[in-house]
Structure formats: C-alpha cells, structure tokens
Amino acid sequence: MRTKIYYFTGTGNSLAVVRRIGESLGDCEFIPIASIKETEGNIEPGVEHVGIVCPVYDMGVPLIVKEFAGRIDLNGAEYCFAVVTMGGMGASALHVLDKTLRENCGKGLDSGFAIRMPANFPPLFKPPQGEKKDKILREADAKLDEIVGKIREGKREYPALTPLSSLFKILTYGKFIKGVRSCDSEFFVKDNCISCHACSDVCPTGNIEFAGGWPKWSHNCEMCFACLHFCPVEAIQWGKRTEGRGRYRHPDIRILDMKAQKGENGRLNNELIHDTK
C-alpha cells in the first residue's frame, strides 16, 4: 500500500522517525507540512495509508500541525496513523490531533503512538547529553521498530488520556496556541553571532530574516527552537532561561535536511561551517 507521511520537525526527532518508518514500510512519500502551509483549499492525500508525525508542544501539537489537520481530507484513506515525539507525555497531543481531524472531515486517527525522545525545551530544562541522550535514542529506536510493525499490520491502537495529561493540556495548550506566533519576541542574539544564516535556513516558517548582519524574527513563530538548537556558536537565546543550558539536535539530521522542510535547497556555505553529518 502506498503511504504518505506528513511531518513537522524542529530539532530533527520527528524527521528521524519519519525516515525510519519509510525505510521499513517502503513505497512512502514524505511531505513536510511547512512546505504546504501557504497552499489553498483542502489537502487530499489520494493514497490508502496516511501518516502524521510531529513533536508534542505544551501537551498538544504545533499550531502549524493543528492548522494542517483542519485542512486534510482523510475520507479516501483506509488507515490513518500518527506518531508524536515527546520528552514527557504524548497522549493528549494525539487526542488534540484526532479531535481536529474529526471536526474537519469526520474521520480521525485509526492509530496513535508516542515515542519518548530527548527533550529539547531549554527554557525549562537542560537537554540530555552524552550517554543519557544516547540511551534515550536507543530506546526510541526499539520502540519505533515495535510501532512500525503495528503500522504495517494496520493495527488499531490508541492511548488513553490520563486525568493528569488532560489537566495539563487544559492549563497550557490553549494559552500556547493563542500566543505562539509572537513568542519570538523573547529571542535575542549575543555578540558572538557569526551571521552564518543557519537560523534562517532551519526555520520552518521562514520567520527569520537578516538585517544588518543580524537575525530578525517576524512574529510567525512555531516555538520549535530550531534556530536556537542549530546555531553553531549558541548565540541565540530566549529570555533569561536558555544560556548555559546546552543545545540538542538529532544526530542524524543536518541543516540541509531541515531546510528541505520548506521545500528549499541547502546553502553551500553551511557545508563549510556546520557539521552536516
């Protein structure tokens, strides 16, 4: 069966998951949600199997993913699954996604899965490093093998929404959705910025432009923190809570991969100054 997987990623975790699923299933097409954000009308996949992969933000899904879920028509699909990557809890995000899909087209998820991966929200905590990070990634790979088997078999599986995750979603997600676009007002750049344009290259919404050699944010933010994590000199900070807290990007994801999320080719100078492994 042909499969289309729509995805959104900020630090590469969700893109790494998409690749692993595609390698295992075969006959897959990967479609970055950011690349179709400005298209008009409903989105009709035209295939039997449809997947959605994204991170968990504030107990829900990124705004760009929620808006996408309000446009896609799944009525022609036989099986729709979602995989969310998370640092904590993920069931509530799957329920947000399912509810949005059903309200839009009357058909929701047949299966939903959550994978724990390295948390990467420095305003709250330091991303894991070293062996701790590697252990999380190894366990994620093992979990993903299990999930892919269930997707291949077309199994129906959906996590229950616990009272705790439901409460956290009520307390945080609505506020996040209302204010996320302008949260970039908290970003600033330190004097060690080398004007390499990595931040603008990896920004999935094209929210960063350079003026006078310095990045400027334009209030179309998803709070994915790609700009902060991919900066090679940690010049980008957010408020008073990110300096000295470390950075994270999935080890298999390059700047060129992130830029491709917008349907663009990578910049040649990035290959010279960044690790593109």
Protein backbone atom coordinates (compact mmCIF):
# COMPACT_ATOMS: atom_id res chain seq x y z
CA MET A 1 0.00 0.00 0.00
CA ARG A 2 1.22 3.48 -0.80
CA THR A 3 1.72 5.72 2.20
CA LYS A 4 2.03 9.47 2.51
CA ILE A 5 3.58 10.76 5.71
CA TYR A 6 3.10 14.41 6.57
CA TYR A 7 5.58 15.70 9.12
CA PHE A 8 6.81 18.68 11.07
CA THR A 9 10.12 18.82 12.95
CA GLY A 10 12.08 21.35 14.98
CA THR A 11 15.19 19.55 16.20
CA GLY A 12 15.04 16.57 13.82
CA ASN A 13 13.46 13.99 16.14
CA SER A 14 10.26 13.69 14.13
CA LEU A 15 12.11 13.66 10.80
CA ALA A 16 14.30 10.80 12.06
CA VAL A 17 11.14 8.90 12.96
CA VAL A 18 9.65 9.54 9.51
CA ARG A 19 12.76 8.17 7.82
CA ARG A 20 12.76 5.01 9.91
CA ILE A 21 9.08 4.39 9.16
CA GLY A 22 9.65 4.95 5.45
CA GLU A 23 12.63 2.62 5.33
CA SER A 24 10.61 -0.13 6.99
CA LEU A 25 7.33 0.26 5.12
CA GLY A 26 8.63 1.10 1.65
CA ASP A 27 6.61 2.94 -1.03
CA CYS A 28 6.38 6.05 1.16
CA GLU A 29 6.26 9.71 0.26
CA PHE A 30 7.36 12.26 2.85
CA ILE A 31 5.62 15.64 2.77
CA PRO A 32 6.79 18.47 5.07
CA ILE A 33 3.76 20.26 6.48
CA ALA A 34 5.69 23.53 6.34
CA SER A 35 6.04 23.18 2.55
CA ILE A 36 2.25 23.20 2.04
CA LYS A 37 1.38 25.76 4.69
CA GLU A 38 0.62 28.51 2.19
CA THR A 39 -1.34 26.36 -0.28
CA GLU A 40 -5.07 26.93 -0.57
CA GLY A 41 -8.02 24.61 -0.15
CA ASN A 42 -8.34 21.13 1.28
CA ILE A 43 -5.48 18.63 1.19
CA GLU A 44 -6.37 15.29 -0.37
CA PRO A 45 -3.67 12.64 0.06
CA GLY A 46 -5.00 10.30 -2.63
CA VAL A 47 -3.46 7.18 -1.03
CA GLU A 48 -4.68 4.28 1.12
CA HIS A 49 -2.43 4.92 4.12
CA VAL A 50 -1.73 8.33 5.66
CA GLY A 51 0.67 9.15 8.50
CA ILE A 52 1.23 12.31 10.53
CA VAL A 53 4.42 12.73 12.56
CA CYS A 54 5.23 15.71 14.77
CA PRO A 55 6.54 16.73 18.20
CA VAL A 56 4.44 17.43 21.28
CA TYR A 57 4.24 21.11 22.26
CA ASP A 58 2.60 22.08 25.54
CA MET A 59 0.60 18.83 25.69
CA GLY A 60 -0.74 19.35 22.18
CA VAL A 61 0.56 19.55 18.62
CA PRO A 62 2.34 22.52 16.98
CA LEU A 63 -0.04 25.17 15.67
CA ILE A 64 1.10 24.53 12.10
CA VAL A 65 0.12 20.87 12.51
CA LYS A 66 -3.25 21.74 14.05
CA GLU A 67 -3.98 24.06 11.13
CA PHE A 68 -2.94 21.32 8.70
CA ALA A 69 -5.25 18.83 10.43
CA GLY A 70 -8.07 21.31 9.86
CA ARG A 71 -7.49 21.11 6.09
CA ILE A 72 -6.69 17.48 5.26
CA ASP A 73 -9.48 15.22 3.99
CA LEU A 74 -8.95 11.63 5.13
CA ASN A 75 -12.18 10.18 3.81
CA GLY A 76 -10.40 8.43 0.95
CA ALA A 77 -7.85 6.78 3.24
CA GLU A 78 -8.21 3.27 4.63
CA TYR A 79 -5.80 3.74 7.53
CA CYS A 80 -4.51 6.85 9.23
CA PHE A 81 -1.87 6.81 11.94
CA ALA A 82 0.06 9.41 13.90
CA VAL A 83 3.33 9.30 15.79
CA VAL A 84 4.28 12.05 18.20
CA THR A 85 7.75 12.55 19.64
CA MET A 86 7.92 13.80 23.20
CA GLY A 87 10.09 14.47 26.18
CA GLY A 88 7.27 13.79 28.66
CA MET A 89 3.64 12.88 27.91
CA GLY A 90 2.11 12.46 24.46
CA ALA A 91 -1.41 11.04 24.70
CA SER A 92 -3.05 14.46 24.96
CA ALA A 93 -1.35 15.61 21.73
CA LEU A 94 -2.77 12.60 19.88
CA HIS A 95 -6.22 13.45 21.20
CA VAL A 96 -5.86 17.06 20.04
CA LEU A 97 -4.89 15.86 16.59
CA ASP A 98 -7.68 13.28 16.40
CA LYS A 99 -10.31 15.78 17.54
CA THR A 100 -9.19 18.36 14.97
CA LEU A 101 -9.27 15.79 12.17
CA ARG A 102 -12.76 14.60 13.10
CA GLU A 103 -14.11 18.12 13.33
CA ASN A 104 -12.70 18.88 9.90
CA CYS A 105 -13.53 15.84 7.79
CA GLY A 106 -15.42 13.43 10.03
CA LYS A 107 -12.60 10.90 10.09
CA GLY A 108 -9.84 10.75 12.67
CA LEU A 109 -6.91 8.56 13.59
CA ASP A 110 -7.08 4.79 13.39
CA SER A 111 -3.93 4.50 15.48
CA GLY A 112 -1.81 6.84 17.57
CA PHE A 113 1.64 6.26 19.01
CA ALA A 114 4.04 8.24 21.19
CA ILE A 115 7.83 7.89 21.38
CA ARG A 116 9.99 9.36 24.09
CA MET A 117 12.98 11.18 22.65
CA PRO A 118 15.48 13.68 24.06
CA ALA A 119 13.58 16.64 25.48
CA ASN A 120 14.73 19.92 23.98
CA PHE A 121 12.99 22.89 25.57
CA PRO A 122 15.87 24.75 27.30
CA PRO A 123 13.66 27.37 29.00
CA LEU A 124 12.52 24.58 31.32
CA PHE A 125 15.46 22.17 31.49
CA LYS A 126 18.78 21.18 30.01
CA PRO A 127 18.57 18.77 27.07
CA PRO A 128 20.13 15.40 27.93
CA GLN A 129 23.71 14.92 26.83
CA GLY A 130 26.20 12.09 26.44
CA GLU A 131 25.18 8.58 27.48
CA LYS A 132 21.83 9.75 28.83
CA LYS A 133 20.90 11.12 25.40
CA ASP A 134 22.25 8.04 23.62
CA LYS A 135 20.24 5.73 25.87
CA ILE A 136 17.03 7.62 25.12
CA LEU A 137 17.71 7.37 21.38
CA ARG A 138 18.45 3.64 21.58
CA GLU A 139 15.22 3.03 23.45
CA ALA A 140 13.36 5.19 20.92
CA ASP A 141 14.71 3.06 18.07
CA ALA A 142 13.50 -0.11 19.77
CA LYS A 143 10.07 1.42 20.40
CA LEU A 144 9.87 2.60 16.81
CA ASP A 145 10.55 -0.92 15.49
CA GLU A 146 7.55 -2.08 17.51
CA ILE A 147 5.37 0.76 16.22
CA VAL A 148 6.33 0.16 12.60
CA GLY A 149 5.26 -3.47 12.94
CA LYS A 150 1.85 -2.36 14.16
CA ILE A 151 1.51 0.18 11.34
CA ARG A 152 2.44 -2.44 8.76
CA GLU A 153 -0.28 -4.73 10.10
CA GLY A 154 -2.81 -1.89 10.19
CA LYS A 155 -3.47 -2.37 13.89
CA ARG A 156 -5.88 -0.10 15.72
CA GLU A 157 -4.24 1.23 18.85
CA TYR A 158 -4.80 4.44 20.73
CA PRO A 159 -3.50 5.59 24.13
CA ALA A 160 -5.92 6.52 26.87
CA LEU A 161 -5.97 10.12 28.02
CA THR A 162 -4.95 10.16 31.67
CA PRO A 163 -6.51 12.71 34.08
CA LEU A 164 -3.08 14.28 34.65
CA SER A 165 -2.28 14.82 30.97
CA SER A 166 -5.81 16.09 30.38
CA LEU A 167 -5.39 18.63 33.18
CA PHE A 168 -2.02 19.83 31.89
CA LYS A 169 -3.45 20.23 28.39
CA ILE A 170 -6.31 22.35 29.71
CA LEU A 171 -3.89 24.54 31.65
CA THR A 172 -1.25 25.04 28.96
CA TYR A 173 -2.30 24.27 25.39
CA GLY A 174 -4.93 26.94 24.84
CA LYS A 175 -2.56 29.63 26.07
CA PHE A 176 0.20 28.25 23.85
CA ILE A 177 -1.96 28.31 20.72
CA LYS A 178 -3.10 31.88 21.33
CA GLY A 179 0.36 33.31 21.93
CA VAL A 180 2.80 31.15 20.00
CA ARG A 181 3.17 33.38 16.95
CA SER A 182 4.55 36.29 18.97
CA CYS A 183 6.64 34.25 21.42
CA ASP A 184 9.63 35.04 19.23
CA SER A 185 9.77 38.49 20.85
CA GLU A 186 11.80 36.79 23.59
CA PHE A 187 14.60 35.74 21.19
CA PHE A 188 17.79 37.78 21.11
CA VAL A 189 21.27 37.36 19.67
CA LYS A 190 24.55 37.72 21.52
CA ASP A 191 27.65 39.41 20.12
CA ASN A 192 29.27 36.09 19.18
CA CYS A 193 26.83 35.66 16.26
CA ILE A 194 28.82 34.86 13.10
CA SER A 195 26.00 35.72 10.64
CA CYS A 196 26.09 32.21 9.16
CA HIS A 197 22.33 32.20 8.40
CA ALA A 198 21.88 28.74 9.94
CA CYS A 199 18.94 30.05 11.99
CA SER A 200 17.07 31.35 8.96
CA ASP A 201 17.89 28.21 6.99
CA VAL A 202 16.37 25.83 9.53
CA CYS A 203 13.34 27.96 10.47
CA PRO A 204 10.40 26.00 9.03
CA THR A 205 8.11 29.01 8.60
CA GLY A 206 10.61 31.45 7.11
CA ASN A 207 10.20 33.60 10.20
CA ILE A 208 13.82 34.79 10.35
CA GLU A 209 15.39 37.39 8.09
CA PHE A 210 18.77 39.09 8.32
CA ALA A 211 19.10 42.83 8.65
CA GLY A 212 22.48 44.44 9.05
CA GLY A 213 24.05 41.03 9.55
CA TRP A 214 21.74 40.10 12.44
CA PRO A 215 18.74 37.76 12.52
CA LYS A 216 15.32 39.31 13.00
CA TRP A 217 12.16 37.41 13.93
CA SER A 218 8.85 38.32 12.26
CA HIS A 219 6.18 37.01 14.66
CA ASN A 220 5.25 33.92 12.66
CA CYS A 221 6.87 31.57 15.13
CA GLU A 222 6.07 27.93 15.97
CA MET A 223 8.36 27.85 19.03
CA CYS A 224 10.17 24.84 17.57
CA PHE A 225 13.51 26.31 18.74
CA ALA A 226 15.29 25.06 15.60
CA CYS A 227 17.06 28.41 15.35
CA LEU A 228 18.35 28.12 18.89
CA HIS A 229 19.45 24.48 18.67
CA PHE A 230 21.17 24.65 15.28
CA CYS A 231 23.16 27.82 15.97
CA PRO A 232 26.79 26.60 15.89
CA VAL A 233 28.00 29.13 18.49
CA GLU A 234 24.91 29.25 20.76
CA ALA A 235 24.49 32.95 20.04
CA ILE A 236 20.69 32.74 20.03
CA GLN A 237 18.96 32.92 23.38
CA TRP A 238 15.33 33.05 24.51
CA GLY A 239 14.61 35.21 27.51
CA LYS A 240 16.80 34.62 30.55
CA ARG A 241 16.44 30.85 30.67
CA THR A 242 18.46 29.31 27.84
CA GLU A 243 22.04 30.49 28.27
CA GLY A 244 24.30 27.74 29.52
CA ARG A 245 21.61 25.10 29.28
CA GLY A 246 23.02 23.26 26.28
CA ARG A 247 21.52 22.51 22.90
CA TYR A 248 20.14 19.45 21.11
CA ARG A 249 19.65 18.30 17.54
CA HIS A 250 19.05 14.77 16.40
CA PRO A 251 22.47 13.34 15.46
CA ASP A 252 21.27 12.08 12.07
CA ILE A 253 19.66 15.32 10.91
CA ARG A 254 21.60 18.02 9.07
CA ILE A 255 20.91 21.66 8.37
CA LEU A 256 20.25 20.76 4.74
CA ASP A 257 17.57 18.30 5.88
CA MET A 258 15.92 21.00 7.94
CA LYS A 259 15.95 23.48 5.09
CA ALA A 260 14.35 20.87 2.83
CA GLN A 261 11.35 21.02 5.17
CA LYS A 262 10.48 24.30 3.45
CA GLY A 263 10.99 22.80 0.01
CA GLU A 264 14.30 24.62 -0.43
CA ASN A 265 17.82 23.51 -1.22
CA GLY A 266 20.57 23.93 1.35
CA ARG A 267 23.08 26.76 1.29
CA LEU A 268 26.57 25.78 0.16
CA ASN A 269 28.24 27.83 2.87
CA ASN A 270 26.51 25.76 5.54
CA GLU A 271 28.55 22.77 4.42
CA LEU A 272 31.68 24.72 5.18
CA ILE A 273 30.87 25.90 8.68
CA HIS A 274 28.46 23.32 10.06
CA ASP A 275 28.57 19.63 10.81
CA THR A 276 26.33 18.20 8.09
CA LYS A 277 26.73 14.59 9.20
